[in-house]
Amino acid sequence: MTTSGIPVSVSQDPFTAGSLAKLTWFLRDRIRDAIAAGHPHAQQLHDSVEDAVRGILDYIDQAAHTADPLTLAPARARAHALWTALQTAADFWHDHPGHLRHRADAAADDPRRVYAAAS
């Protein structure tokens, strides 16, 4: 445990509860837009994002109850892969020409820009 009570293995991970929440919020908002636009694979993307978030949260929960790093290794590797997948999905939305951020009429105070500013 670190001095703040966080398991050492989790304290060295690239994600925090705050960054996971921001990234998840951003992706859910993008998926909501895709569903509203009638994108045929939006529900599948939604399910994948939710599964990834659950996988990361399961790892964090397991790390809070398991001190042995060897026992945690498979869950940690999976959580890191899921985090990378979520970041890749978010990067797609930033790079996609149809993304709100790239439109000329996009409002400067659009709340969906929070993730871009936080990353």
PDB file of N, CA and C in Angstrom:
ATOM      1  N   MET A   1       0.836  -1.187   0.000  1.00  0.00           N
ATOM      2  CA  MET A   1       0.000   0.000   0.000  1.00  0.00           C
ATOM      3  C   MET A   1       0.880   1.250   0.000  1.00  0.00           C
ATOM      4  N   THR A   2       0.393   2.272  -0.695  1.00  0.00           N
ATOM      5  CA  THR A   2       1.062   3.562  -0.633  1.00  0.00           C
ATOM      6  C   THR A   2       0.612   4.257   0.644  1.00  0.00           C
ATOM      7  N   THR A   3       1.192   5.421   0.925  1.00  0.00           N
ATOM      8  CA  THR A   3       0.812   6.144   2.138  1.00  0.00           C
ATOM      9  C   THR A   3      -0.630   6.632   2.073  1.00  0.00           C
ATOM     10  N   SER A   4      -1.179   6.765   0.859  1.00  0.00           N
ATOM     11  CA  SER A   4      -2.573   7.212   0.738  1.00  0.00           C
ATOM     12  C   SER A   4      -3.556   6.048   0.762  1.00  0.00           C
ATOM     13  N   GLY A   5      -3.058   4.812   0.979  1.00  0.00           N
ATOM     14  CA  GLY A   5      -3.935   3.661   1.075  1.00  0.00           C
ATOM     15  C   GLY A   5      -4.272   3.004  -0.244  1.00  0.00           C
ATOM     16  N   ILE A   6      -3.622   3.417  -1.330  1.00  0.00           N
ATOM     17  CA  ILE A   6      -3.866   2.833  -2.651  1.00  0.00           C
ATOM     18  C   ILE A   6      -2.886   1.688  -2.851  1.00  0.00           C
ATOM     19  N   PRO A   7      -3.356   0.532  -3.322  1.00  0.00           N
ATOM     20  CA  PRO A   7      -2.425  -0.567  -3.582  1.00  0.00           C
ATOM     21  C   PRO A   7      -1.316  -0.114  -4.533  1.00  0.00           C
ATOM     22  N   VAL A   8      -0.078  -0.528  -4.266  1.00  0.00           N
ATOM     23  CA  VAL A   8       1.069  -0.102  -5.069  1.00  0.00           C
ATOM     24  C   VAL A   8       0.860  -0.422  -6.540  1.00  0.00           C
ATOM     25  N   SER A   9       0.340  -1.604  -6.851  1.00  0.00           N
ATOM     26  CA  SER A   9       0.155  -1.970  -8.254  1.00  0.00           C
ATOM     27  C   SER A   9      -0.781  -1.005  -8.962  1.00  0.00           C
ATOM     28  N   VAL A  10      -1.842  -0.582  -8.304  1.00  0.00           N
ATOM     29  CA  VAL A  10      -2.798   0.347  -8.914  1.00  0.00           C
ATOM     30  C   VAL A  10      -2.204   1.740  -9.015  1.00  0.00           C
ATOM     31  N   SER A  11      -1.411   2.154  -8.034  1.00  0.00           N
ATOM     32  CA  SER A  11      -0.837   3.498  -8.067  1.00  0.00           C
ATOM     33  C   SER A  11       0.121   3.673  -9.237  1.00  0.00           C
ATOM     34  N   GLN A  12       0.611   2.586  -9.814  1.00  0.00           N
ATOM     35  CA  GLN A  12       1.530   2.662 -10.946  1.00  0.00           C
ATOM     36  C   GLN A  12       0.814   2.507 -12.285  1.00  0.00           C
ATOM     37  N   ASP A  13      -0.491   2.402 -12.284  1.00  0.00           N
ATOM     38  CA  ASP A  13      -1.254   2.229 -13.512  1.00  0.00           C
ATOM     39  C   ASP A  13      -1.443   3.571 -14.215  1.00  0.00           C
ATOM     40  N   PRO A  14      -1.658   3.536 -15.538  1.00  0.00           N
ATOM     41  CA  PRO A  14      -1.791   4.781 -16.293  1.00  0.00           C
ATOM     42  C   PRO A  14      -3.142   5.458 -16.101  1.00  0.00           C
ATOM     43  N   PHE A  15      -4.074   4.803 -15.435  1.00  0.00           N
ATOM     44  CA  PHE A  15      -5.411   5.367 -15.284  1.00  0.00           C
ATOM     45  C   PHE A  15      -5.732   5.602 -13.821  1.00  0.00           C
ATOM     46  N   THR A  16      -6.589   6.568 -13.591  1.00  0.00           N
ATOM     47  CA  THR A  16      -7.106   6.852 -12.257  1.00  0.00           C
ATOM     48  C   THR A  16      -8.624   6.807 -12.353  1.00  0.00           C
ATOM     49  N   ALA A  17      -9.283   6.854 -11.226  1.00  0.00           N
ATOM     50  CA  ALA A  17     -10.748   6.877 -11.257  1.00  0.00           C
ATOM     51  C   ALA A  17     -11.234   8.107 -12.017  1.00  0.00           C
ATOM     52  N   GLY A  18     -10.548   9.231 -11.827  1.00  0.00           N
ATOM     53  CA  GLY A  18     -10.939  10.460 -12.519  1.00  0.00           C
ATOM     54  C   GLY A  18     -10.735  10.386 -14.017  1.00  0.00           C
ATOM     55  N   SER A  19      -9.584   9.870 -14.437  1.00  0.00           N
ATOM     56  CA  SER A  19      -9.330   9.789 -15.878  1.00  0.00           C
ATOM     57  C   SER A  19     -10.244   8.766 -16.535  1.00  0.00           C
ATOM     58  N   LEU A  20     -10.553   7.671 -15.825  1.00  0.00           N
ATOM     59  CA  LEU A  20     -11.482   6.674 -16.357  1.00  0.00           C
ATOM     60  C   LEU A  20     -12.879   7.277 -16.493  1.00  0.00           C
ATOM     61  N   ALA A  21     -13.293   8.050 -15.503  1.00  0.00           N
ATOM     62  CA  ALA A  21     -14.616   8.685 -15.561  1.00  0.00           C
ATOM     63  C   ALA A  21     -14.698   9.673 -16.720  1.00  0.00           C
ATOM     64  N   LYS A  22     -13.664  10.502 -16.902  1.00  0.00           N
ATOM     65  CA  LYS A  22     -13.668  11.483 -17.998  1.00  0.00           C
ATOM     66  C   LYS A  22     -13.688  10.798 -19.356  1.00  0.00           C
ATOM     67  N   LEU A  23     -12.858   9.785 -19.500  1.00  0.00           N
ATOM     68  CA  LEU A  23     -12.788   9.077 -20.776  1.00  0.00           C
ATOM     69  C   LEU A  23     -14.107   8.364 -21.064  1.00  0.00           C
ATOM     70  N   THR A  24     -14.685   7.735 -20.061  1.00  0.00           N
ATOM     71  CA  THR A  24     -15.955   7.032 -20.236  1.00  0.00           C
ATOM     72  C   THR A  24     -17.067   8.013 -20.583  1.00  0.00           C
ATOM     73  N   TRP A  25     -17.101   9.133 -19.895  1.00  0.00           N
ATOM     74  CA  TRP A  25     -18.115  10.157 -20.171  1.00  0.00           C
ATOM     75  C   TRP A  25     -17.997  10.638 -21.610  1.00  0.00           C
ATOM     76  N   PHE A  26     -16.784  10.915 -22.035  1.00  0.00           N
ATOM     77  CA  PHE A  26     -16.546  11.380 -23.406  1.00  0.00           C
ATOM     78  C   PHE A  26     -17.036  10.345 -24.418  1.00  0.00           C
ATOM     79  N   LEU A  27     -16.665   9.083 -24.234  1.00  0.00           N
ATOM     80  CA  LEU A  27     -17.058   8.036 -25.178  1.00  0.00           C
ATOM     81  C   LEU A  27     -18.569   7.801 -25.163  1.00  0.00           C
ATOM     82  N   ARG A  28     -19.170   7.815 -24.002  1.00  0.00           N
ATOM     83  CA  ARG A  28     -20.627   7.629 -23.938  1.00  0.00           C
ATOM     84  C   ARG A  28     -21.347   8.749 -24.680  1.00  0.00           C
ATOM     85  N   ASP A  29     -20.825   9.956 -24.572  1.00  0.00           N
ATOM     86  CA  ASP A  29     -21.419  11.087 -25.278  1.00  0.00           C
ATOM     87  C   ASP A  29     -21.293  10.912 -26.792  1.00  0.00           C
ATOM     88  N   ARG A  30     -20.141  10.468 -27.227  1.00  0.00           N
ATOM     89  CA  ARG A  30     -19.928  10.232 -28.671  1.00  0.00           C
ATOM     90  C   ARG A  30     -20.851   9.113 -29.165  1.00  0.00           C
ATOM     91  N   ILE A  31     -20.986   8.067 -28.373  1.00  0.00           N
ATOM     92  CA  ILE A  31     -21.836   6.939 -28.761  1.00  0.00           C
ATOM     93  C   ILE A  31     -23.297   7.382 -28.813  1.00  0.00           C
ATOM     94  N   ARG A  32     -23.701   8.216 -27.876  1.00  0.00           N
ATOM     95  CA  ARG A  32     -25.065   8.742 -27.889  1.00  0.00           C
ATOM     96  C   ARG A  32     -25.324   9.499 -29.196  1.00  0.00           C
ATOM     97  N   ASP A  33     -24.332  10.279 -29.643  1.00  0.00           N
ATOM     98  CA  ASP A  33     -24.447  10.983 -30.928  1.00  0.00           C
ATOM     99  C   ASP A  33     -24.562   9.993 -32.081  1.00  0.00           C
ATOM    100  N   ALA A  34     -23.777   8.926 -32.029  1.00  0.00           N
ATOM    101  CA  ALA A  34     -23.799   7.918 -33.097  1.00  0.00           C
ATOM    102  C   ALA A  34     -25.140   7.191 -33.135  1.00  0.00           C
ATOM    103  N   ILE A  35     -25.686   6.892 -31.972  1.00  0.00           N
ATOM    104  CA  ILE A  35     -26.998   6.241 -31.914  1.00  0.00           C
ATOM    105  C   ILE A  35     -28.059   7.176 -32.487  1.00  0.00           C
ATOM    106  N   ALA A  36     -27.999   8.454 -32.106  1.00  0.00           N
ATOM    107  CA  ALA A  36     -28.965   9.435 -32.617  1.00  0.00           C
ATOM    108  C   ALA A  36     -28.857   9.591 -34.131  1.00  0.00           C
ATOM    109  N   ALA A  37     -27.639   9.439 -34.664  1.00  0.00           N
ATOM    110  CA  ALA A  37     -27.429   9.558 -36.109  1.00  0.00           C
ATOM    111  C   ALA A  37     -27.781   8.266 -36.840  1.00  0.00           C
ATOM    112  N   GLY A  38     -28.131   7.223 -36.092  1.00  0.00           N
ATOM    113  CA  GLY A  38     -28.521   5.962 -36.708  1.00  0.00           C
ATOM    114  C   GLY A  38     -27.362   5.100 -37.170  1.00  0.00           C
ATOM    115  N   HIS A  39     -26.190   5.274 -36.565  1.00  0.00           N
ATOM    116  CA  HIS A  39     -25.033   4.460 -36.951  1.00  0.00           C
ATOM    117  C   HIS A  39     -25.336   2.994 -36.642  1.00  0.00           C
ATOM    118  N   PRO A  40     -25.123   2.095 -37.610  1.00  0.00           N
ATOM    119  CA  PRO A  40     -25.523   0.697 -37.422  1.00  0.00           C
ATOM    120  C   PRO A  40     -24.741  -0.068 -36.350  1.00  0.00           C
ATOM    121  N   HIS A  41     -23.561   0.397 -35.990  1.00  0.00           N
ATOM    122  CA  HIS A  41     -22.745  -0.341 -35.021  1.00  0.00           C
ATOM    123  C   HIS A  41     -22.609   0.391 -33.685  1.00  0.00           C
ATOM    124  N   ALA A  42     -23.410   1.409 -33.479  1.00  0.00           N
ATOM    125  CA  ALA A  42     -23.290   2.214 -32.263  1.00  0.00           C
ATOM    126  C   ALA A  42     -23.575   1.393 -31.004  1.00  0.00           C
ATOM    127  N   GLN A  43     -24.566   0.526 -31.045  1.00  0.00           N
ATOM    128  CA  GLN A  43     -24.892  -0.275 -29.860  1.00  0.00           C
ATOM    129  C   GLN A  43     -23.764  -1.249 -29.532  1.00  0.00           C
ATOM    130  N   GLN A  44     -23.156  -1.813 -30.561  1.00  0.00           N
ATOM    131  CA  GLN A  44     -22.027  -2.721 -30.344  1.00  0.00           C
ATOM    132  C   GLN A  44     -20.859  -1.965 -29.710  1.00  0.00           C
ATOM    133  N   LEU A  45     -20.602  -0.748 -30.175  1.00  0.00           N
ATOM    134  CA  LEU A  45     -19.537   0.070 -29.591  1.00  0.00           C
ATOM    135  C   LEU A  45     -19.872   0.398 -28.137  1.00  0.00           C
ATOM    136  N   HIS A  46     -21.123   0.731 -27.875  1.00  0.00           N
ATOM    137  CA  HIS A  46     -21.556   1.013 -26.504  1.00  0.00           C
ATOM    138  C   HIS A  46     -21.289  -0.179 -25.592  1.00  0.00           C
ATOM    139  N   ASP A  47     -21.680  -1.363 -26.044  1.00  0.00           N
ATOM    140  CA  ASP A  47     -21.467  -2.573 -25.249  1.00  0.00           C
ATOM    141  C   ASP A  47     -19.981  -2.826 -25.004  1.00  0.00           C
ATOM    142  N   SER A  48     -19.152  -2.585 -26.015  1.00  0.00           N
ATOM    143  CA  SER A  48     -17.704  -2.792 -25.877  1.00  0.00           C
ATOM    144  C   SER A  48     -17.099  -1.827 -24.868  1.00  0.00           C
ATOM    145  N   VAL A  49     -17.512  -0.569 -24.919  1.00  0.00           N
ATOM    146  CA  VAL A  49     -17.004   0.423 -23.966  1.00  0.00           C
ATOM    147  C   VAL A  49     -17.418   0.040 -22.548  1.00  0.00           C
ATOM    148  N   GLU A  50     -18.669  -0.342 -22.364  1.00  0.00           N
ATOM    149  CA  GLU A  50     -19.135  -0.715 -21.025  1.00  0.00           C
ATOM    150  C   GLU A  50     -18.393  -1.949 -20.504  1.00  0.00           C
ATOM    151  N   ASP A  51     -18.150  -2.926 -21.369  1.00  0.00           N
ATOM    152  CA  ASP A  51     -17.390  -4.119 -20.966  1.00  0.00           C
ATOM    153  C   ASP A  51     -15.967  -3.748 -20.561  1.00  0.00           C
ATOM    154  N   ALA A  52     -15.350  -2.843 -21.315  1.00  0.00           N
ATOM    155  CA  ALA A  52     -13.983  -2.421 -20.998  1.00  0.00           C
ATOM    156  C   ALA A  52     -13.927  -1.711 -19.652  1.00  0.00           C
ATOM    157  N   VAL A  53     -14.865  -0.829 -19.417  1.00  0.00           N
ATOM    158  CA  VAL A  53     -14.900  -0.109 -18.140  1.00  0.00           C
ATOM    159  C   VAL A  53     -15.099  -1.091 -16.986  1.00  0.00           C
ATOM    160  N   ARG A  54     -16.018  -2.044 -17.148  1.00  0.00           N
ATOM    161  CA  ARG A  54     -16.227  -3.055 -16.099  1.00  0.00           C
ATOM    162  C   ARG A  54     -14.953  -3.855 -15.851  1.00  0.00           C
ATOM    163  N   GLY A  55     -14.227  -4.196 -16.918  1.00  0.00           N
ATOM    164  CA  GLY A  55     -12.986  -4.947 -16.767  1.00  0.00           C
ATOM    165  C   GLY A  55     -11.942  -4.183 -15.973  1.00  0.00           C
ATOM    166  N   ILE A  56     -11.826  -2.891 -16.242  1.00  0.00           N
ATOM    167  CA  ILE A  56     -10.866  -2.065 -15.501  1.00  0.00           C
ATOM    168  C   ILE A  56     -11.297  -1.934 -14.042  1.00  0.00           C
ATOM    169  N   LEU A  57     -12.572  -1.705 -13.816  1.00  0.00           N
ATOM    170  CA  LEU A  57     -13.062  -1.588 -12.439  1.00  0.00           C
ATOM    171  C   LEU A  57     -12.922  -2.902 -11.674  1.00  0.00           C
ATOM    172  N   ASP A  58     -13.114  -4.024 -12.344  1.00  0.00           N
ATOM    173  CA  ASP A  58     -12.899  -5.330 -11.703  1.00  0.00           C
ATOM    174  C   ASP A  58     -11.446  -5.476 -11.253  1.00  0.00           C
ATOM    175  N   TYR A  59     -10.516  -5.047 -12.108  1.00  0.00           N
ATOM    176  CA  TYR A  59      -9.094  -5.109 -11.752  1.00  0.00           C
ATOM    177  C   TYR A  59      -8.809  -4.231 -10.529  1.00  0.00           C
ATOM    178  N   ILE A  60      -9.340  -3.017 -10.528  1.00  0.00           N
ATOM    179  CA  ILE A  60      -9.107  -2.111  -9.401  1.00  0.00           C
ATOM    180  C   ILE A  60      -9.661  -2.722  -8.113  1.00  0.00           C
ATOM    181  N   ASP A  61     -10.843  -3.320  -8.199  1.00  0.00           N
ATOM    182  CA  ASP A  61     -11.435  -3.977  -7.030  1.00  0.00           C
ATOM    183  C   ASP A  61     -10.580  -5.157  -6.580  1.00  0.00           C
ATOM    184  N   GLN A  62     -10.122  -5.956  -7.533  1.00  0.00           N
ATOM    185  CA  GLN A  62      -9.282  -7.113  -7.195  1.00  0.00           C
ATOM    186  C   GLN A  62      -7.970  -6.650  -6.557  1.00  0.00           C
ATOM    187  N   ALA A  63      -7.402  -5.563  -7.068  1.00  0.00           N
ATOM    188  CA  ALA A  63      -6.142  -5.054  -6.523  1.00  0.00           C
ATOM    189  C   ALA A  63      -6.307  -4.566  -5.088  1.00  0.00           C
ATOM    190  N   ALA A  64      -7.485  -4.077  -4.768  1.00  0.00           N
ATOM    191  CA  ALA A  64      -7.738  -3.604  -3.406  1.00  0.00           C
ATOM    192  C   ALA A  64      -7.795  -4.754  -2.409  1.00  0.00           C
ATOM    193  N   HIS A  65      -8.034  -5.965  -2.904  1.00  0.00           N
ATOM    194  CA  HIS A  65      -8.167  -7.119  -2.015  1.00  0.00           C
ATOM    195  C   HIS A  65      -7.034  -8.136  -2.147  1.00  0.00           C
ATOM    196  N   THR A  66      -6.104  -7.907  -3.067  1.00  0.00           N
ATOM    197  CA  THR A  66      -5.036  -8.871  -3.329  1.00  0.00           C
ATOM    198  C   THR A  66      -3.695  -8.153  -3.294  1.00  0.00           C
ATOM    199  N   ALA A  67      -2.829  -8.580  -2.409  1.00  0.00           N
ATOM    200  CA  ALA A  67      -1.519  -7.941  -2.300  1.00  0.00           C
ATOM    201  C   ALA A  67      -0.474  -8.573  -3.216  1.00  0.00           C
ATOM    202  N   ASP A  68      -0.719  -9.785  -3.674  1.00  0.00           N
ATOM    203  CA  ASP A  68       0.265 -10.515  -4.472  1.00  0.00           C
ATOM    204  C   ASP A  68       0.260 -10.041  -5.926  1.00  0.00           C
ATOM    205  N   PRO A  69       1.354  -9.417  -6.391  1.00  0.00           N
ATOM    206  CA  PRO A  69       1.400  -8.912  -7.764  1.00  0.00           C
ATOM    207  C   PRO A  69       1.311 -10.013  -8.823  1.00  0.00           C
ATOM    208  N   LEU A  70       1.773 -11.230  -8.491  1.00  0.00           N
ATOM    209  CA  LEU A  70       1.684 -12.319  -9.467  1.00  0.00           C
ATOM    210  C   LEU A  70       0.239 -12.766  -9.672  1.00  0.00           C
ATOM    211  N   THR A  71      -0.534 -12.724  -8.621  1.00  0.00           N
ATOM    212  CA  THR A  71      -1.953 -13.061  -8.738  1.00  0.00           C
ATOM    213  C   THR A  71      -2.692 -12.008  -9.557  1.00  0.00           C
ATOM    214  N   LEU A  72      -2.266 -10.759  -9.407  1.00  0.00           N
ATOM    215  CA  LEU A  72      -2.911  -9.650 -10.115  1.00  0.00           C
ATOM    216  C   LEU A  72      -2.461  -9.509 -11.564  1.00  0.00           C
ATOM    217  N   ALA A  73      -1.347 -10.106 -11.925  1.00  0.00           N
ATOM    218  CA  ALA A  73      -0.748  -9.868 -13.243  1.00  0.00           C
ATOM    219  C   ALA A  73      -1.711 -10.058 -14.415  1.00  0.00           C
ATOM    220  N   PRO A  74      -2.471 -11.152 -14.492  1.00  0.00           N
ATOM    221  CA  PRO A  74      -3.383 -11.299 -15.638  1.00  0.00           C
ATOM    222  C   PRO A  74      -4.455 -10.204 -15.695  1.00  0.00           C
ATOM    223  N   ALA A  75      -5.033  -9.877 -14.545  1.00  0.00           N
ATOM    224  CA  ALA A  75      -6.065  -8.834 -14.514  1.00  0.00           C
ATOM    225  C   ALA A  75      -5.465  -7.477 -14.851  1.00  0.00           C
ATOM    226  N   ARG A  76      -4.239  -7.243 -14.382  1.00  0.00           N
ATOM    227  CA  ARG A  76      -3.581  -5.963 -14.667  1.00  0.00           C
ATOM    228  C   ARG A  76      -3.282  -5.832 -16.154  1.00  0.00           C
ATOM    229  N   ALA A  77      -2.784  -6.895 -16.765  1.00  0.00           N
ATOM    230  CA  ALA A  77      -2.500  -6.862 -18.206  1.00  0.00           C
ATOM    231  C   ALA A  77      -3.784  -6.605 -18.989  1.00  0.00           C
ATOM    232  N   ARG A  78      -4.866  -7.249 -18.585  1.00  0.00           N
ATOM    233  CA  ARG A  78      -6.153  -7.041 -19.258  1.00  0.00           C
ATOM    234  C   ARG A  78      -6.640  -5.606 -19.067  1.00  0.00           C
ATOM    235  N   ALA A  79      -6.520  -5.077 -17.858  1.00  0.00           N
ATOM    236  CA  ALA A  79      -6.964  -3.705 -17.593  1.00  0.00           C
ATOM    237  C   ALA A  79      -6.173  -2.702 -18.424  1.00  0.00           C
ATOM    238  N   HIS A  80      -4.873  -2.927 -18.553  1.00  0.00           N
ATOM    239  CA  HIS A  80      -4.055  -2.016 -19.362  1.00  0.00           C
ATOM    240  C   HIS A  80      -4.450  -2.097 -20.835  1.00  0.00           C
ATOM    241  N   ALA A  81      -4.730  -3.297 -21.322  1.00  0.00           N
ATOM    242  CA  ALA A  81      -5.162  -3.454 -22.716  1.00  0.00           C
ATOM    243  C   ALA A  81      -6.517  -2.778 -22.934  1.00  0.00           C
ATOM    244  N   LEU A  82      -7.408  -2.917 -21.979  1.00  0.00           N
ATOM    245  CA  LEU A  82      -8.718  -2.277 -22.090  1.00  0.00           C
ATOM    246  C   LEU A  82      -8.586  -0.758 -22.065  1.00  0.00           C
ATOM    247  N   TRP A  83      -7.700  -0.248 -21.211  1.00  0.00           N
ATOM    248  CA  TRP A  83      -7.460   1.198 -21.142  1.00  0.00           C
ATOM    249  C   TRP A  83      -6.934   1.702 -22.485  1.00  0.00           C
ATOM    250  N   THR A  84      -6.006   0.970 -23.073  1.00  0.00           N
ATOM    251  CA  THR A  84      -5.464   1.350 -24.380  1.00  0.00           C
ATOM    252  C   THR A  84      -6.568   1.348 -25.438  1.00  0.00           C
ATOM    253  N   ALA A  85      -7.446   0.362 -25.386  1.00  0.00           N
ATOM    254  CA  ALA A  85      -8.557   0.296 -26.343  1.00  0.00           C
ATOM    255  C   ALA A  85      -9.495   1.491 -26.179  1.00  0.00           C
ATOM    256  N   LEU A  86      -9.789   1.871 -24.945  1.00  0.00           N
ATOM    257  CA  LEU A  86     -10.648   3.030 -24.716  1.00  0.00           C
ATOM    258  C   LEU A  86      -9.988   4.306 -25.221  1.00  0.00           C
ATOM    259  N   GLN A  87      -8.687   4.452 -24.978  1.00  0.00           N
ATOM    260  CA  GLN A  87      -7.980   5.632 -25.470  1.00  0.00           C
ATOM    261  C   GLN A  87      -7.963   5.664 -26.995  1.00  0.00           C
ATOM    262  N   THR A  88      -7.802   4.515 -27.618  1.00  0.00           N
ATOM    263  CA  THR A  88      -7.807   4.436 -29.077  1.00  0.00           C
ATOM    264  C   THR A  88      -9.167   4.851 -29.623  1.00  0.00           C
ATOM    265  N   ALA A  89     -10.229   4.404 -28.978  1.00  0.00           N
ATOM    266  CA  ALA A  89     -11.576   4.804 -29.407  1.00  0.00           C
ATOM    267  C   ALA A  89     -11.757   6.313 -29.276  1.00  0.00           C
ATOM    268  N   ALA A  90     -11.273   6.883 -28.180  1.00  0.00           N
ATOM    269  CA  ALA A  90     -11.382   8.334 -27.998  1.00  0.00           C
ATOM    270  C   ALA A  90     -10.553   9.072 -29.036  1.00  0.00           C
ATOM    271  N   ASP A  91      -9.362   8.569 -29.337  1.00  0.00           N
ATOM    272  CA  ASP A  91      -8.522   9.199 -30.357  1.00  0.00           C
ATOM    273  C   ASP A  91      -9.194   9.166 -31.720  1.00  0.00           C
ATOM    274  N   PHE A  92      -9.925   8.082 -32.011  1.00  0.00           N
ATOM    275  CA  PHE A  92     -10.658   8.013 -33.273  1.00  0.00           C
ATOM    276  C   PHE A  92     -11.640   9.172 -33.376  1.00  0.00           C
ATOM    277  N   TRP A  93     -12.370   9.419 -32.304  1.00  0.00           N
ATOM    278  CA  TRP A  93     -13.357  10.497 -32.350  1.00  0.00           C
ATOM    279  C   TRP A  93     -12.679  11.839 -32.554  1.00  0.00           C
ATOM    280  N   HIS A  94     -11.492  12.026 -31.983  1.00  0.00           N
ATOM    281  CA  HIS A  94     -10.779  13.291 -32.166  1.00  0.00           C
ATOM    282  C   HIS A  94     -10.244  13.425 -33.585  1.00  0.00           C
ATOM    283  N   ASP A  95      -9.852  12.312 -34.200  1.00  0.00           N
ATOM    284  CA  ASP A  95      -9.263  12.356 -35.535  1.00  0.00           C
ATOM    285  C   ASP A  95     -10.298  12.267 -36.648  1.00  0.00           C
ATOM    286  N   HIS A  96     -11.505  11.861 -36.310  1.00  0.00           N
ATOM    287  CA  HIS A  96     -12.542  11.664 -37.320  1.00  0.00           C
ATOM    288  C   HIS A  96     -13.031  13.022 -37.832  1.00  0.00           C
ATOM    289  N   PRO A  97     -13.092  13.220 -39.155  1.00  0.00           N
ATOM    290  CA  PRO A  97     -13.494  14.521 -39.692  1.00  0.00           C
ATOM    291  C   PRO A  97     -14.914  14.939 -39.308  1.00  0.00           C
ATOM    292  N   GLY A  98     -15.773  13.993 -38.988  1.00  0.00           N
ATOM    293  CA  GLY A  98     -17.134  14.336 -38.603  1.00  0.00           C
ATOM    294  C   GLY A  98     -17.277  14.716 -37.144  1.00  0.00           C
ATOM    295  N   HIS A  99     -16.188  14.667 -36.406  1.00  0.00           N
ATOM    296  CA  HIS A  99     -16.215  14.983 -34.978  1.00  0.00           C
ATOM    297  C   HIS A  99     -16.607  16.443 -34.790  1.00  0.00           C
ATOM    298  N   LEU A 100     -17.428  16.697 -33.801  1.00  0.00           N
ATOM    299  CA  LEU A 100     -17.934  18.038 -33.541  1.00  0.00           C
ATOM    300  C   LEU A 100     -16.813  19.066 -33.436  1.00  0.00           C
ATOM    301  N   ARG A 101     -15.694  18.670 -32.874  1.00  0.00           N
ATOM    302  CA  ARG A 101     -14.587  19.601 -32.675  1.00  0.00           C
ATOM    303  C   ARG A 101     -14.060  20.154 -33.995  1.00  0.00           C
ATOM    304  N   HIS A 102     -14.249  19.413 -35.096  1.00  0.00           N
ATOM    305  CA  HIS A 102     -13.719  19.835 -36.385  1.00  0.00           C
ATOM    306  C   HIS A 102     -14.718  20.664 -37.188  1.00  0.00           C
ATOM    307  N   ARG A 103     -15.927  20.800 -36.699  1.00  0.00           N
ATOM    308  CA  ARG A 103     -16.920  21.577 -37.431  1.00  0.00           C
ATOM    309  C   ARG A 103     -16.714  23.055 -37.171  1.00  0.00           C
ATOM    310  N   ALA A 104     -16.916  23.858 -38.207  1.00  0.00           N
ATOM    311  CA  ALA A 104     -16.722  25.302 -38.093  1.00  0.00           C
ATOM    312  C   ALA A 104     -17.726  25.936 -37.129  1.00  0.00           C
ATOM    313  N   ASP A 105     -18.924  25.367 -37.029  1.00  0.00           N
ATOM    314  CA  ASP A 105     -19.944  25.952 -36.170  1.00  0.00           C
ATOM    315  C   ASP A 105     -19.937  25.395 -34.741  1.00  0.00           C
ATOM    316  N   ALA A 106     -18.912  24.633 -34.403  1.00  0.00           N
ATOM    317  CA  ALA A 106     -18.837  24.040 -33.062  1.00  0.00           C
ATOM    318  C   ALA A 106     -18.647  25.137 -32.018  1.00  0.00           C
ATOM    319  N   ALA A 107     -19.408  25.033 -30.965  1.00  0.00           N
ATOM    320  CA  ALA A 107     -19.302  26.023 -29.891  1.00  0.00           C
ATOM    321  C   ALA A 107     -18.010  25.811 -29.113  1.00  0.00           C
ATOM    322  N   ALA A 108     -17.352  26.903 -28.787  1.00  0.00           N
ATOM    323  CA  ALA A 108     -16.084  26.823 -28.056  1.00  0.00           C
ATOM    324  C   ALA A 108     -16.279  26.251 -26.658  1.00  0.00           C
ATOM    325  N   ASP A 109     -17.456  26.418 -26.102  1.00  0.00           N
ATOM    326  CA  ASP A 109     -17.688  25.931 -24.741  1.00  0.00           C
ATOM    327  C   ASP A 109     -18.413  24.590 -24.725  1.00  0.00           C
ATOM    328  N   ASP A 110     -18.326  23.840 -25.797  1.00  0.00           N
ATOM    329  CA  ASP A 110     -18.966  22.523 -25.873  1.00  0.00           C
ATOM    330  C   ASP A 110     -18.423  21.638 -24.750  1.00  0.00           C
ATOM    331  N   PRO A 111     -19.283  21.098 -23.881  1.00  0.00           N
ATOM    332  CA  PRO A 111     -18.804  20.294 -22.751  1.00  0.00           C
ATOM    333  C   PRO A 111     -18.100  19.014 -23.173  1.00  0.00           C
ATOM    334  N   ARG A 112     -18.301  18.585 -24.416  1.00  0.00           N
ATOM    335  CA  ARG A 112     -17.654  17.354 -24.862  1.00  0.00           C
ATOM    336  C   ARG A 112     -16.161  17.553 -25.087  1.00  0.00           C
ATOM    337  N   ARG A 113     -15.669  18.759 -24.971  1.00  0.00           N
ATOM    338  CA  ARG A 113     -14.243  19.012 -25.149  1.00  0.00           C
ATOM    339  C   ARG A 113     -13.467  18.757 -23.858  1.00  0.00           C
ATOM    340  N   VAL A 114     -14.162  18.402 -22.803  1.00  0.00           N
ATOM    341  CA  VAL A 114     -13.519  18.173 -21.504  1.00  0.00           C
ATOM    342  C   VAL A 114     -12.446  17.105 -21.613  1.00  0.00           C
ATOM    343  N   TYR A 115     -12.758  15.999 -22.293  1.00  0.00           N
ATOM    344  CA  TYR A 115     -11.767  14.931 -22.388  1.00  0.00           C
ATOM    345  C   TYR A 115     -10.525  15.409 -23.113  1.00  0.00           C
ATOM    346  N   ALA A 116     -10.702  16.169 -24.200  1.00  0.00           N
ATOM    347  CA  ALA A 116      -9.554  16.647 -24.972  1.00  0.00           C
ATOM    348  C   ALA A 116      -8.654  17.520 -24.103  1.00  0.00           C
ATOM    349  N   ALA A 117      -9.258  18.340 -23.267  1.00  0.00           N
ATOM    350  CA  ALA A 117      -8.475  19.211 -22.397  1.00  0.00           C
ATOM    351  C   ALA A 117      -7.799  18.428 -21.279  1.00  0.00           C
ATOM    352  N   ALA A 118      -8.430  17.335 -20.854  1.00  0.00           N
ATOM    353  CA  ALA A 118      -7.893  16.558 -19.736  1.00  0.00           C
ATOM    354  C   ALA A 118      -6.802  15.591 -20.168  1.00  0.00           C
ATOM    355  N   SER A 119      -6.740  15.278 -21.448  1.00  0.00           N
ATOM    356  CA  SER A 119      -5.763  14.272 -21.873  1.00  0.00           C
ATOM    357  C   SER A 119      -4.506  14.891 -22.417  1.00  0.00           C
TER     358      SER A 119
END
